[in-house]
PDB file of N, CA and C in Angstrom:
ATOM      1  N   MET A   1       0.859  -1.246  -0.048  1.00  0.00           N
ATOM      2  CA  MET A   1       0.053  -0.128   0.126  1.00  0.00           C
ATOM      3  C   MET A   1       0.788   1.042   0.236  1.00  0.00           C
ATOM      4  N   LYS A   2       0.359   2.332  -0.467  1.00  0.00           N
ATOM      5  CA  LYS A   2       1.224   3.560  -0.677  1.00  0.00           C
ATOM      6  C   LYS A   2       1.071   4.247   0.669  1.00  0.00           C
ATOM      7  N   TYR A   3       1.820   4.895   0.811  1.00  0.00           N
ATOM      8  CA  TYR A   3       2.110   5.763   2.059  1.00  0.00           C
ATOM      9  C   TYR A   3       2.540   7.200   1.832  1.00  0.00           C
ATOM     10  N   GLN A   4       2.064   8.141   2.471  1.00  0.00           N
ATOM     11  CA  GLN A   4       2.798   9.534   2.325  1.00  0.00           C
ATOM     12  C   GLN A   4       3.732  10.042   3.627  1.00  0.00           C
ATOM     13  N   VAL A   5       4.851  10.058   3.243  1.00  0.00           N
ATOM     14  CA  VAL A   5       5.750  10.619   4.356  1.00  0.00           C
ATOM     15  C   VAL A   5       5.638  11.752   5.116  1.00  0.00           C
ATOM     16  N   LEU A   6       5.115  11.860   6.291  1.00  0.00           N
ATOM     17  CA  LEU A   6       4.933  13.307   7.185  1.00  0.00           C
ATOM     18  C   LEU A   6       6.205  13.588   7.550  1.00  0.00           C
ATOM     19  N   LYS A   7       6.953  13.035   7.972  1.00  0.00           N
ATOM     20  CA  LYS A   7       8.176  13.348   8.500  1.00  0.00           C
ATOM     21  C   LYS A   7       9.497  12.484   7.883  1.00  0.00           C
ATOM     22  N   SER A   8      10.826  13.073   7.854  1.00  0.00           N
ATOM     23  CA  SER A   8      11.593  12.820   7.257  1.00  0.00           C
ATOM     24  C   SER A   8      12.412  11.516   8.188  1.00  0.00           C
ATOM     25  N   CYS A   9      12.612  10.375   7.657  1.00  0.00           N
ATOM     26  CA  CYS A   9      12.747   8.960   8.280  1.00  0.00           C
ATOM     27  C   CYS A   9      13.584   8.214   7.494  1.00  0.00           C
ATOM     28  N   VAL A  10      13.831   7.298   7.805  1.00  0.00           N
ATOM     29  CA  VAL A  10      14.458   5.901   7.114  1.00  0.00           C
ATOM     30  C   VAL A  10      13.698   4.692   7.000  1.00  0.00           C
ATOM     31  N   ILE A  11      13.368   4.442   5.711  1.00  0.00           N
ATOM     32  CA  ILE A  11      12.508   3.238   5.338  1.00  0.00           C
ATOM     33  C   ILE A  11      13.309   2.420   4.618  1.00  0.00           C
ATOM     34  N   ASN A  12      13.258   0.965   4.888  1.00  0.00           N
ATOM     35  CA  ASN A  12      13.941  -0.099   4.310  1.00  0.00           C
ATOM     36  C   ASN A  12      15.312   0.178   4.115  1.00  0.00           C
ATOM     37  N   ARG A  13      16.073   0.754   5.189  1.00  0.00           N
ATOM     38  CA  ARG A  13      17.261   1.257   5.328  1.00  0.00           C
ATOM     39  C   ARG A  13      17.728   2.295   4.170  1.00  0.00           C
ATOM     40  N   THR A  14      16.714   3.081   4.109  1.00  0.00           N
ATOM     41  CA  THR A  14      16.944   4.175   3.021  1.00  0.00           C
ATOM     42  C   THR A  14      16.384   5.543   3.366  1.00  0.00           C
ATOM     43  N   PRO A  15      17.085   6.745   3.484  1.00  0.00           N
ATOM     44  CA  PRO A  15      16.304   7.878   3.953  1.00  0.00           C
ATOM     45  C   PRO A  15      15.462   8.384   2.801  1.00  0.00           C
ATOM     46  N   VAL A  16      14.295   8.658   3.755  1.00  0.00           N
ATOM     47  CA  VAL A  16      13.284   9.430   2.579  1.00  0.00           C
ATOM     48  C   VAL A  16      12.708  10.565   3.117  1.00  0.00           C
ATOM     49  N   LYS A  17      12.695  11.592   2.198  1.00  0.00           N
ATOM     50  CA  LYS A  17      12.435  13.016   2.652  1.00  0.00           C
ATOM     51  C   LYS A  17      10.685  13.100   2.995  1.00  0.00           C
ATOM     52  N   ALA A  18      10.328  14.181   3.938  1.00  0.00           N
ATOM     53  CA  ALA A  18       8.943  14.374   3.903  1.00  0.00           C
ATOM     54  C   ALA A  18       8.077  15.062   2.667  1.00  0.00           C
ATOM     55  N   GLY A  19       6.697  14.322   2.585  1.00  0.00           N
ATOM     56  CA  GLY A  19       6.410  14.828   1.321  1.00  0.00           C
ATOM     57  C   GLY A  19       6.289  13.780   0.278  1.00  0.00           C
ATOM     58  N   SER A  20       7.421  12.741   0.273  1.00  0.00           N
ATOM     59  CA  SER A  20       7.347  11.726  -0.892  1.00  0.00           C
ATOM     60  C   SER A  20       6.411  10.612  -0.524  1.00  0.00           C
ATOM     61  N   ILE A  21       6.181   9.852  -1.697  1.00  0.00           N
ATOM     62  CA  ILE A  21       4.999   8.635  -1.688  1.00  0.00           C
ATOM     63  C   ILE A  21       6.119   7.388  -1.671  1.00  0.00           C
ATOM     64  N   VAL A  22       5.993   6.384  -0.639  1.00  0.00           N
ATOM     65  CA  VAL A  22       6.499   5.335  -0.780  1.00  0.00           C
ATOM     66  C   VAL A  22       5.512   3.935  -0.409  1.00  0.00           C
ATOM     67  N   ASP A  23       6.104   2.879  -0.698  1.00  0.00           N
ATOM     68  CA  ASP A  23       5.258   1.431  -0.677  1.00  0.00           C
ATOM     69  C   ASP A  23       5.939   1.039   0.502  1.00  0.00           C
ATOM     70  N   VAL A  24       5.138   0.888   1.645  1.00  0.00           N
ATOM     71  CA  VAL A  24       5.682   0.064   2.887  1.00  0.00           C
ATOM     72  C   VAL A  24       4.766  -1.110   3.213  1.00  0.00           C
ATOM     73  N   THR A  25       5.446  -2.150   3.764  1.00  0.00           N
ATOM     74  CA  THR A  25       4.745  -3.294   4.186  1.00  0.00           C
ATOM     75  C   THR A  25       5.465  -4.160   5.566  1.00  0.00           C
ATOM     76  N   GLY A  26       4.517  -4.795   6.161  1.00  0.00           N
ATOM     77  CA  GLY A  26       5.166  -5.498   7.308  1.00  0.00           C
ATOM     78  C   GLY A  26       5.048  -4.659   8.565  1.00  0.00           C
ATOM     79  N   ASP A  27       5.794  -5.185   9.378  1.00  0.00           N
ATOM     80  CA  ASP A  27       6.241  -4.571  10.789  1.00  0.00           C
ATOM     81  C   ASP A  27       6.603  -3.024  10.621  1.00  0.00           C
ATOM     82  N   GLU A  28       7.365  -2.831   9.661  1.00  0.00           N
ATOM     83  CA  GLU A  28       7.760  -1.340   9.584  1.00  0.00           C
ATOM     84  C   GLU A  28       6.421  -0.334   9.182  1.00  0.00           C
ATOM     85  N   GLU A  29       5.780  -1.056   8.546  1.00  0.00           N
ATOM     86  CA  GLU A  29       4.459  -0.019   8.222  1.00  0.00           C
ATOM     87  C   GLU A  29       3.720   0.065   9.433  1.00  0.00           C
ATOM     88  N   ARG A  30       3.573  -0.707  10.440  1.00  0.00           N
ATOM     89  CA  ARG A  30       2.735  -0.733  11.730  1.00  0.00           C
ATOM     90  C   ARG A  30       3.710   0.345  12.921  1.00  0.00           C
ATOM     91  N   THR A  31       4.893  -0.016  12.713  1.00  0.00           N
ATOM     92  CA  THR A  31       5.647   1.081  13.734  1.00  0.00           C
ATOM     93  C   THR A  31       5.866   2.500  13.143  1.00  0.00           C
ATOM     94  N   LEU A  32       5.731   2.596  11.862  1.00  0.00           N
ATOM     95  CA  LEU A  32       5.821   4.109  11.522  1.00  0.00           C
ATOM     96  C   LEU A  32       4.566   4.852  11.384  1.00  0.00           C
ATOM     97  N   MET A  33       3.382   4.048  11.202  1.00  0.00           N
ATOM     98  CA  MET A  33       2.111   4.597  11.469  1.00  0.00           C
ATOM     99  C   MET A  33       1.924   5.120  12.792  1.00  0.00           C
ATOM    100  N   SER A  34       2.436   4.061  13.725  1.00  0.00           N
ATOM    101  CA  SER A  34       1.850   4.422  15.442  1.00  0.00           C
ATOM    102  C   SER A  34       2.803   5.603  15.759  1.00  0.00           C
ATOM    103  N   LEU A  35       4.221   5.759  15.171  1.00  0.00           N
ATOM    104  CA  LEU A  35       4.890   7.008  15.406  1.00  0.00           C
ATOM    105  C   LEU A  35       4.651   8.085  14.773  1.00  0.00           C
ATOM    106  N   GLY A  36       3.601   7.801  13.813  1.00  0.00           N
ATOM    107  CA  GLY A  36       2.929   9.468  12.963  1.00  0.00           C
ATOM    108  C   GLY A  36       4.190   9.680  11.954  1.00  0.00           C
ATOM    109  N   ARG A  37       4.801   8.655  11.612  1.00  0.00           N
ATOM    110  CA  ARG A  37       5.782   9.206  10.488  1.00  0.00           C
ATOM    111  C   ARG A  37       5.061   9.032   9.199  1.00  0.00           C
ATOM    112  N   ILE A  38       4.300   8.184   8.978  1.00  0.00           N
ATOM    113  CA  ILE A  38       3.553   7.873   7.595  1.00  0.00           C
ATOM    114  C   ILE A  38       1.984   8.043   7.604  1.00  0.00           C
ATOM    115  N   ALA A  39       1.424   8.176   6.441  1.00  0.00           N
ATOM    116  CA  ALA A  39       0.103   8.372   6.504  1.00  0.00           C
ATOM    117  C   ALA A  39      -0.287   7.873   5.154  1.00  0.00           C
ATOM    118  N   PRO A  40      -1.654   7.016   5.173  1.00  0.00           N
ATOM    119  CA  PRO A  40      -2.065   6.495   3.979  1.00  0.00           C
ATOM    120  C   PRO A  40      -2.304   7.308   2.713  1.00  0.00           C
ATOM    121  N   TYR A  41      -1.896   7.161   1.681  1.00  0.00           N
ATOM    122  CA  TYR A  41      -2.001   8.101   0.703  1.00  0.00           C
ATOM    123  C   TYR A  41      -3.127   7.536  -0.349  1.00  0.00           C
ATOM    124  N   ASP A  42      -4.329   8.548  -0.685  1.00  0.00           N
ATOM    125  CA  ASP A  42      -4.850   8.363  -1.835  1.00  0.00           C
ATOM    126  C   ASP A  42      -5.049   9.102  -3.032  1.00  0.00           C
ATOM    127  N   GLU A  43      -4.831   8.001  -4.126  1.00  0.00           N
ATOM    128  CA  GLU A  43      -4.513   8.990  -5.288  1.00  0.00           C
ATOM    129  C   GLU A  43      -5.692   9.964  -5.831  1.00  0.00           C
ATOM    130  N   PRO A  44      -5.218  11.001  -6.071  1.00  0.00           N
ATOM    131  CA  PRO A  44      -6.435  11.827  -6.498  1.00  0.00           C
ATOM    132  C   PRO A  44      -7.059  11.742  -7.808  1.00  0.00           C
ATOM    133  N   LYS A  45      -8.294  12.003  -7.443  1.00  0.00           N
ATOM    134  CA  LYS A  45      -9.477  11.420  -8.575  1.00  0.00           C
ATOM    135  C   LYS A  45      -9.319  12.545  -9.704  1.00  0.00           C
ATOM    136  N   VAL A  46      -9.236  12.121 -11.007  1.00  0.00           N
ATOM    137  CA  VAL A  46      -9.129  13.044 -12.298  1.00  0.00           C
ATOM    138  C   VAL A  46     -10.307  13.069 -12.703  1.00  0.00           C
ATOM    139  N   GLU A  47     -10.909  14.483 -13.018  1.00  0.00           N
ATOM    140  CA  GLU A  47     -12.205  14.493 -13.671  1.00  0.00           C
ATOM    141  C   GLU A  47     -12.332  15.445 -14.914  1.00  0.00           C
ATOM    142  N   ASN A  48     -12.992  15.291 -15.791  1.00  0.00           N
ATOM    143  CA  ASN A  48     -13.113  16.014 -16.896  1.00  0.00           C
ATOM    144  C   ASN A  48     -13.812  17.391 -16.871  1.00  0.00           C
ATOM    145  N   ARG A  49     -13.229  18.668 -16.735  1.00  0.00           N
ATOM    146  CA  ARG A  49     -13.832  19.892 -16.394  1.00  0.00           C
ATOM    147  C   ARG A  49     -13.974  20.637 -17.831  1.00  0.00           C
ATOM    148  N   SER A  50     -14.041  20.045 -19.070  1.00  0.00           N
ATOM    149  CA  SER A  50     -13.789  20.925 -20.181  1.00  0.00           C
ATOM    150  C   SER A  50     -15.400  21.070 -20.359  1.00  0.00           C
ATOM    151  N   VAL A  51     -15.500  22.280 -20.825  1.00  0.00           N
ATOM    152  CA  VAL A  51     -16.997  22.660 -21.334  1.00  0.00           C
ATOM    153  C   VAL A  51     -16.936  23.229 -23.068  1.00  0.00           C
ATOM    154  N   GLY A  52     -17.960  22.586 -23.528  1.00  0.00           N
ATOM    155  CA  GLY A  52     -18.012  22.854 -25.255  1.00  0.00           C
ATOM    156  C   GLY A  52     -17.088  21.839 -25.860  1.00  0.00           C
ATOM    157  N   LEU A  53     -16.183  21.118 -25.490  1.00  0.00           N
ATOM    158  CA  LEU A  53     -15.279  20.319 -26.434  1.00  0.00           C
ATOM    159  C   LEU A  53     -16.204  19.155 -26.805  1.00  0.00           C
ATOM    160  N   GLU A  54     -15.717  18.604 -28.076  1.00  0.00           N
ATOM    161  CA  GLU A  54     -16.507  17.514 -28.709  1.00  0.00           C
ATOM    162  C   GLU A  54     -16.557  16.062 -27.407  1.00  0.00           C
ATOM    163  N   GLU A  55     -15.456  16.006 -26.661  1.00  0.00           N
ATOM    164  CA  GLU A  55     -15.640  14.965 -25.800  1.00  0.00           C
ATOM    165  C   GLU A  55     -16.167  15.483 -24.637  1.00  0.00           C
ATOM    166  N   SER A  56     -16.670  16.503 -24.232  1.00  0.00           N
ATOM    167  CA  SER A  56     -17.314  16.814 -23.154  1.00  0.00           C
ATOM    168  C   SER A  56     -18.280  16.497 -23.010  1.00  0.00           C
ATOM    169  N   GLU A  57     -19.268  16.348 -21.546  1.00  0.00           N
ATOM    170  CA  GLU A  57     -20.630  16.302 -21.640  1.00  0.00           C
ATOM    171  C   GLU A  57     -21.337  17.681 -21.306  1.00  0.00           C
ATOM    172  N   GLU A  58     -20.815  18.794 -21.143  1.00  0.00           N
ATOM    173  CA  GLU A  58     -21.417  19.544 -20.913  1.00  0.00           C
ATOM    174  C   GLU A  58     -21.597  20.624 -21.892  1.00  0.00           C
ATOM    175  N   GLN A  59     -22.545  21.441 -22.421  1.00  0.00           N
ATOM    176  CA  GLN A  59     -22.258  22.599 -23.614  1.00  0.00           C
ATOM    177  C   GLN A  59     -22.329  23.665 -22.922  1.00  0.00           C
ATOM    178  N   PRO A  60     -21.790  24.715 -23.433  1.00  0.00           N
ATOM    179  CA  PRO A  60     -21.526  25.953 -22.512  1.00  0.00           C
ATOM    180  C   PRO A  60     -22.757  26.790 -22.886  1.00  0.00           C
ATOM    181  N   LYS A  61     -23.044  27.543 -21.531  1.00  0.00           N
ATOM    182  CA  LYS A  61     -24.174  28.243 -21.340  1.00  0.00           C
ATOM    183  C   LYS A  61     -24.285  29.406 -22.221  1.00  0.00           C
ATOM    184  N   ARG A  62     -25.395  29.646 -22.968  1.00  0.00           N
ATOM    185  CA  ARG A  62     -25.320  30.864 -23.792  1.00  0.00           C
ATOM    186  C   ARG A  62     -25.816  32.060 -22.937  1.00  0.00           C
ATOM    187  N   ARG A  63     -24.908  33.259 -22.994  1.00  0.00           N
ATOM    188  CA  ARG A  63     -25.126  34.463 -22.334  1.00  0.00           C
ATOM    189  C   ARG A  63     -25.219  35.397 -23.353  1.00  0.00           C
ATOM    190  N   GLY A  64     -26.306  36.448 -22.831  1.00  0.00           N
ATOM    191  CA  GLY A  64     -26.304  37.421 -23.923  1.00  0.00           C
ATOM    192  C   GLY A  64     -27.087  38.556 -23.299  1.00  0.00           C
ATOM    193  N   ARG A  65     -27.351  39.612 -23.694  1.00  0.00           N
ATOM    194  CA  ARG A  65     -28.372  40.894 -23.482  1.00  0.00           C
ATOM    195  C   ARG A  65     -29.428  40.482 -23.695  1.00  0.00           C
ATOM    196  N   PRO A  66     -30.285  40.884 -22.570  1.00  0.00           N
ATOM    197  CA  PRO A  66     -31.689  40.738 -22.727  1.00  0.00           C
ATOM    198  C   PRO A  66     -32.330  41.549 -23.768  1.00  0.00           C
ATOM    199  N   LYS A  67     -33.288  41.325 -24.598  1.00  0.00           N
ATOM    200  CA  LYS A  67     -34.123  42.324 -25.428  1.00  0.00           C
ATOM    201  C   LYS A  67     -34.359  43.214 -25.009  1.00  0.00           C
ATOM    202  N   LYS A  68     -34.651  44.523 -25.259  1.00  0.00           N
ATOM    203  CA  LYS A  68     -34.936  45.872 -24.865  1.00  0.00           C
ATOM    204  C   LYS A  68     -36.695  45.663 -25.099  1.00  0.00           C
ATOM    205  N   ALA A  69     -37.571  46.272 -24.106  1.00  0.00           N
ATOM    206  CA  ALA A  69     -38.788  46.342 -24.070  1.00  0.00           C
ATOM    207  C   ALA A  69     -39.147  47.534 -24.511  1.00  0.00           C
ATOM    208  N   ASP A  70     -40.156  47.556 -25.559  1.00  0.00           N
ATOM    209  CA  ASP A  70     -40.606  48.878 -26.439  1.00  0.00           C
ATOM    210  C   ASP A  70     -41.707  49.335 -25.552  1.00  0.00           C
TER     211      ASP A  70
END
Protein backbone atom coordinates (compact mmCIF):
# COMPACT_ATOMS: atom_id res chain seq x y z
CA MET A 1 0.00 0.00 0.00
CA LYS A 2 1.19 3.53 -0.70
CA TYR A 3 1.92 5.94 2.14
CA GLN A 4 2.85 9.61 2.30
CA VAL A 5 5.84 10.41 4.49
CA LEU A 6 4.94 13.08 7.05
CA LYS A 7 8.37 13.41 8.70
CA SER A 8 11.76 12.55 7.22
CA CYS A 9 12.88 9.08 8.32
CA VAL A 10 14.63 5.89 7.22
CA ILE A 11 12.47 3.27 5.46
CA ASN A 12 13.97 -0.05 4.29
CA ARG A 13 17.44 1.29 5.17
CA THR A 14 16.96 4.25 2.81
CA PRO A 15 16.56 7.88 3.92
CA VAL A 16 13.22 9.32 2.77
CA LYS A 17 12.24 13.01 2.77
CA ALA A 18 8.93 14.34 4.07
CA GLY A 19 6.25 14.64 1.39
CA SER A 20 7.35 11.70 -0.74
CA ILE A 21 5.16 8.68 -1.57
CA VAL A 22 6.49 5.20 -0.73
CA ASP A 23 5.41 1.55 -0.56
CA VAL A 24 5.77 0.09 2.94
CA THR A 25 4.82 -3.39 4.16
CA GLY A 26 5.10 -5.56 7.26
CA ASP A 27 6.20 -4.56 10.76
CA GLU A 28 7.85 -1.37 9.55
CA GLU A 29 4.44 -0.16 8.31
CA ARG A 30 2.81 -0.58 11.73
CA THR A 31 5.77 0.97 13.54
CA LEU A 32 5.93 4.07 11.34
CA MET A 33 2.13 4.53 11.48
CA SER A 34 2.13 4.37 15.29
CA LEU A 35 4.99 6.90 15.46
CA GLY A 36 3.13 9.27 13.12
CA ARG A 37 5.82 9.22 10.44
CA ILE A 38 3.61 8.01 7.57
CA ALA A 39 -0.08 8.28 6.58
CA PRO A 40 -2.14 6.39 3.98
CA TYR A 41 -2.07 8.03 0.54
CA ASP A 42 -5.11 8.19 -1.74
CA GLU A 43 -4.60 8.86 -5.43
CA PRO A 44 -6.29 12.10 -6.52
CA LYS A 45 -9.32 11.55 -8.71
CA VAL A 46 -9.14 13.01 -12.22
CA GLU A 47 -12.29 14.58 -13.56
CA ASN A 48 -13.06 16.08 -16.96
CA ARG A 49 -13.75 19.80 -16.45
CA SER A 50 -13.88 20.78 -20.12
CA VAL A 51 -16.99 22.54 -21.40
CA GLY A 52 -17.89 22.80 -25.07
CA LEU A 53 -15.36 20.35 -26.47
CA GLU A 54 -16.42 17.33 -28.52
CA GLU A 55 -15.60 14.84 -25.75
CA SER A 56 -17.17 16.91 -22.95
CA GLU A 57 -20.59 16.13 -21.53
CA GLU A 58 -21.68 19.71 -20.90
CA GLN A 59 -22.32 22.41 -23.46
CA PRO A 60 -21.48 26.07 -22.78
CA LYS A 61 -24.23 28.28 -21.39
CA ARG A 62 -25.45 30.95 -23.76
CA ARG A 63 -25.19 34.40 -22.29
CA GLY A 64 -26.41 37.46 -23.98
CA ARG A 65 -27.99 40.79 -23.50
CA PRO A 66 -31.73 40.68 -22.80
CA LYS A 67 -33.93 42.19 -25.49
CA LYS A 68 -35.15 45.73 -24.92
CA ALA A 69 -38.82 46.15 -24.14
CA ASP A 70 -40.59 48.78 -26.26
